[in-house]
C-alpha atoms as a PDB file:
ATOM      1  CA  UNK A   1      -3.251  14.148 -15.363  1.00  0.00           C
ATOM      2  CA  UNK A   2      -5.969  11.519 -14.971  1.00  0.00           C
ATOM      3  CA  UNK A   3      -7.409  12.432 -18.382  1.00  0.00           C
ATOM      4  CA  UNK A   4      -3.982  12.438 -19.998  1.00  0.00           C
ATOM      5  CA  UNK A   5      -3.154   9.067 -18.410  1.00  0.00           C
ATOM      6  CA  UNK A   6      -5.999   7.494 -20.400  1.00  0.00           C
ATOM      7  CA  UNK A   7      -3.820   8.036 -23.499  1.00  0.00           C
ATOM      8  CA  UNK A   8      -0.424   7.176 -22.024  1.00  0.00           C
ATOM      9  CA  UNK A   9       1.035   6.119 -18.682  1.00  0.00           C
ATOM     10  CA  UNK A  10       2.138   8.920 -16.379  1.00  0.00           C
ATOM     11  CA  UNK A  11       3.997   9.074 -13.092  1.00  0.00           C
ATOM     12  CA  UNK A  12       3.565  11.830 -10.531  1.00  0.00           C
ATOM     13  CA  UNK A  13       5.733  11.836  -7.463  1.00  0.00           C
ATOM     14  CA  UNK A  14       4.756  13.592  -4.274  1.00  0.00           C
ATOM     15  CA  UNK A  15       7.650  14.457  -1.993  1.00  0.00           C
ATOM     16  CA  UNK A  16       6.757  14.883   1.666  1.00  0.00           C
ATOM     17  CA  UNK A  17       9.373  16.976   3.431  1.00  0.00           C
ATOM     18  CA  UNK A  18       9.225  18.285   6.991  1.00  0.00           C
ATOM     19  CA  UNK A  19      10.242  21.772   5.840  1.00  0.00           C
ATOM     20  CA  UNK A  20       6.966  21.913   3.928  1.00  0.00           C
ATOM     21  CA  UNK A  21       4.602  19.767   5.966  1.00  0.00           C
ATOM     22  CA  UNK A  22       6.088  20.803   9.274  1.00  0.00           C
ATOM     23  CA  UNK A  23       4.284  24.141   9.018  1.00  0.00           C
ATOM     24  CA  UNK A  24       0.865  24.046  10.731  1.00  0.00           C
ATOM     25  CA  UNK A  25      -0.703  26.463   8.240  1.00  0.00           C
ATOM     26  CA  UNK A  26       0.074  24.046   5.384  1.00  0.00           C
ATOM     27  CA  UNK A  27      -1.651  21.038   6.944  1.00  0.00           C
ATOM     28  CA  UNK A  28      -5.154  22.036   5.804  1.00  0.00           C
ATOM     29  CA  UNK A  29      -4.031  22.304   2.179  1.00  0.00           C
ATOM     30  CA  UNK A  30      -2.124  19.038   2.359  1.00  0.00           C
ATOM     31  CA  UNK A  31      -5.214  17.280   3.735  1.00  0.00           C
ATOM     32  CA  UNK A  32      -7.263  18.627   0.815  1.00  0.00           C
ATOM     33  CA  UNK A  33      -4.738  17.213  -1.646  1.00  0.00           C
ATOM     34  CA  UNK A  34      -4.718  13.797   0.050  1.00  0.00           C
ATOM     35  CA  UNK A  35      -8.527  13.722   0.199  1.00  0.00           C
ATOM     36  CA  UNK A  36      -8.706  14.546  -3.509  1.00  0.00           C
ATOM     37  CA  UNK A  37      -6.234  11.785  -4.351  1.00  0.00           C
ATOM     38  CA  UNK A  38      -8.006   9.182  -2.219  1.00  0.00           C
ATOM     39  CA  UNK A  39     -11.395  10.040  -3.766  1.00  0.00           C
ATOM     40  CA  UNK A  40      -9.958   8.761  -7.040  1.00  0.00           C
ATOM     41  CA  UNK A  41      -8.232   5.728  -5.498  1.00  0.00           C
ATOM     42  CA  UNK A  42      -9.984   3.307  -7.852  1.00  0.00           C
ATOM     43  CA  UNK A  43      -8.622   5.199 -10.896  1.00  0.00           C
ATOM     44  CA  UNK A  44      -4.975   5.556  -9.873  1.00  0.00           C
ATOM     45  CA  UNK A  45      -2.157   3.394  -8.589  1.00  0.00           C
ATOM     46  CA  UNK A  46      -0.638   4.659  -5.350  1.00  0.00           C
ATOM     47  CA  UNK A  47       2.729   3.000  -4.921  1.00  0.00           C
ATOM     48  CA  UNK A  48       6.419   3.575  -4.341  1.00  0.00           C
ATOM     49  CA  UNK A  49       9.345   3.697  -6.789  1.00  0.00           C
ATOM     50  CA  UNK A  50      10.367   0.073  -6.232  1.00  0.00           C
ATOM     51  CA  UNK A  51       6.959  -1.215  -7.340  1.00  0.00           C
ATOM     52  CA  UNK A  52       7.046   0.986 -10.455  1.00  0.00           C
ATOM     53  CA  UNK A  53      10.455  -0.452 -11.328  1.00  0.00           C
ATOM     54  CA  UNK A  54       9.198  -4.033 -10.789  1.00  0.00           C
ATOM     55  CA  UNK A  55       6.242  -3.381 -13.084  1.00  0.00           C
ATOM     56  CA  UNK A  56       8.402  -1.884 -15.834  1.00  0.00           C
ATOM     57  CA  UNK A  57      10.867  -4.766 -15.618  1.00  0.00           C
ATOM     58  CA  UNK A  58       7.986  -7.263 -15.992  1.00  0.00           C
ATOM     59  CA  UNK A  59       6.881  -5.797 -19.349  1.00  0.00           C
ATOM     60  CA  UNK A  60       7.733  -7.728 -22.517  1.00  0.00           C
ATOM     61  CA  UNK A  61      10.916  -6.872 -24.416  1.00  0.00           C
ATOM     62  CA  UNK A  62      10.370  -3.946 -26.781  1.00  0.00           C
ATOM     63  CA  UNK A  63       7.498  -2.298 -24.899  1.00  0.00           C
ATOM     64  CA  UNK A  64       9.851   0.213 -23.329  1.00  0.00           C
ATOM     65  CA  UNK A  65      11.867   2.138 -25.938  1.00  0.00           C
ATOM     66  CA  UNK A  66      15.472   1.031 -25.896  1.00  0.00           C
ATOM     67  CA  UNK A  67      14.753  -2.336 -24.289  1.00  0.00           C
END
Protein backbone atom coordinates (compact mmCIF):
# COMPACT_ATOMS: atom_id res chain seq x y z
CA UNK A 1 0.00 0.00 0.00
CA UNK A 2 2.86 2.40 0.71
CA UNK A 3 4.22 1.90 -2.81
CA UNK A 4 0.79 2.31 -4.36
CA UNK A 5 0.16 5.46 -2.30
CA UNK A 6 3.07 7.14 -4.09
CA UNK A 7 0.84 7.17 -7.20
CA UNK A 8 -2.49 7.99 -5.56
CA UNK A 9 -3.86 8.64 -2.08
CA UNK A 10 -5.10 5.60 -0.18
CA UNK A 11 -6.93 5.09 3.08
CA UNK A 12 -6.63 1.97 5.22
CA UNK A 13 -8.77 1.65 8.29
CA UNK A 14 -7.87 -0.59 11.19
CA UNK A 15 -10.79 -1.61 13.37
CA UNK A 16 -9.89 -2.60 16.92
CA UNK A 17 -12.60 -4.78 18.41
CA UNK A 18 -12.50 -6.59 21.75
CA UNK A 19 -13.72 -9.82 20.13
CA UNK A 20 -10.47 -9.86 18.16
CA UNK A 21 -7.97 -8.16 20.45
CA UNK A 22 -9.49 -9.57 23.60
CA UNK A 23 -7.87 -12.93 22.84
CA UNK A 24 -4.44 -13.27 24.50
CA UNK A 25 -3.03 -15.39 21.66
CA UNK A 26 -3.70 -12.55 19.19
CA UNK A 27 -1.79 -9.89 21.13
CA UNK A 28 1.64 -10.91 19.80
CA UNK A 29 0.47 -10.60 16.20
CA UNK A 30 -1.25 -7.29 16.87
CA UNK A 31 1.95 -5.92 18.43
CA UNK A 32 3.89 -6.94 15.31
CA UNK A 33 1.43 -5.06 13.12
CA UNK A 34 1.62 -1.92 15.28
CA UNK A 35 5.42 -2.08 15.38
CA UNK A 36 5.53 -2.37 11.59
CA UNK A 37 3.20 0.61 11.18
CA UNK A 38 5.14 2.78 13.63
CA UNK A 39 8.46 1.97 11.93
CA UNK A 40 7.07 3.78 8.89
CA UNK A 41 5.53 6.65 10.87
CA UNK A 42 7.39 9.28 8.86
CA UNK A 43 5.90 7.92 5.60
CA UNK A 44 2.25 7.62 6.62
CA UNK A 45 -0.43 9.73 8.24
CA UNK A 46 -1.99 8.10 11.30
CA UNK A 47 -5.26 9.86 12.01
CA UNK A 48 -8.97 9.41 12.56
CA UNK A 49 -11.92 9.79 10.17
CA UNK A 50 -12.73 13.35 11.25
CA UNK A 51 -9.27 14.60 10.28
CA UNK A 52 -9.50 12.87 6.89
CA UNK A 53 -12.83 14.60 6.28
CA UNK A 54 -11.37 17.99 7.30
CA UNK A 55 -8.48 17.52 4.89
CA UNK A 56 -10.74 16.54 1.99
CA UNK A 57 -13.04 19.50 2.65
CA UNK A 58 -10.03 21.86 2.59
CA UNK A 59 -9.03 20.83 -0.96
CA UNK A 60 -9.80 23.23 -3.81
CA UNK A 61 -13.05 22.83 -5.76
CA UNK A 62 -12.69 20.24 -8.52
CA UNK A 63 -9.89 18.19 -6.94
CA UNK A 64 -12.37 15.61 -5.70
CA UNK A 65 -14.51 14.19 -8.52
CA UNK A 66 -18.05 15.48 -8.26
CA UNK A 67 -17.13 18.54 -6.21
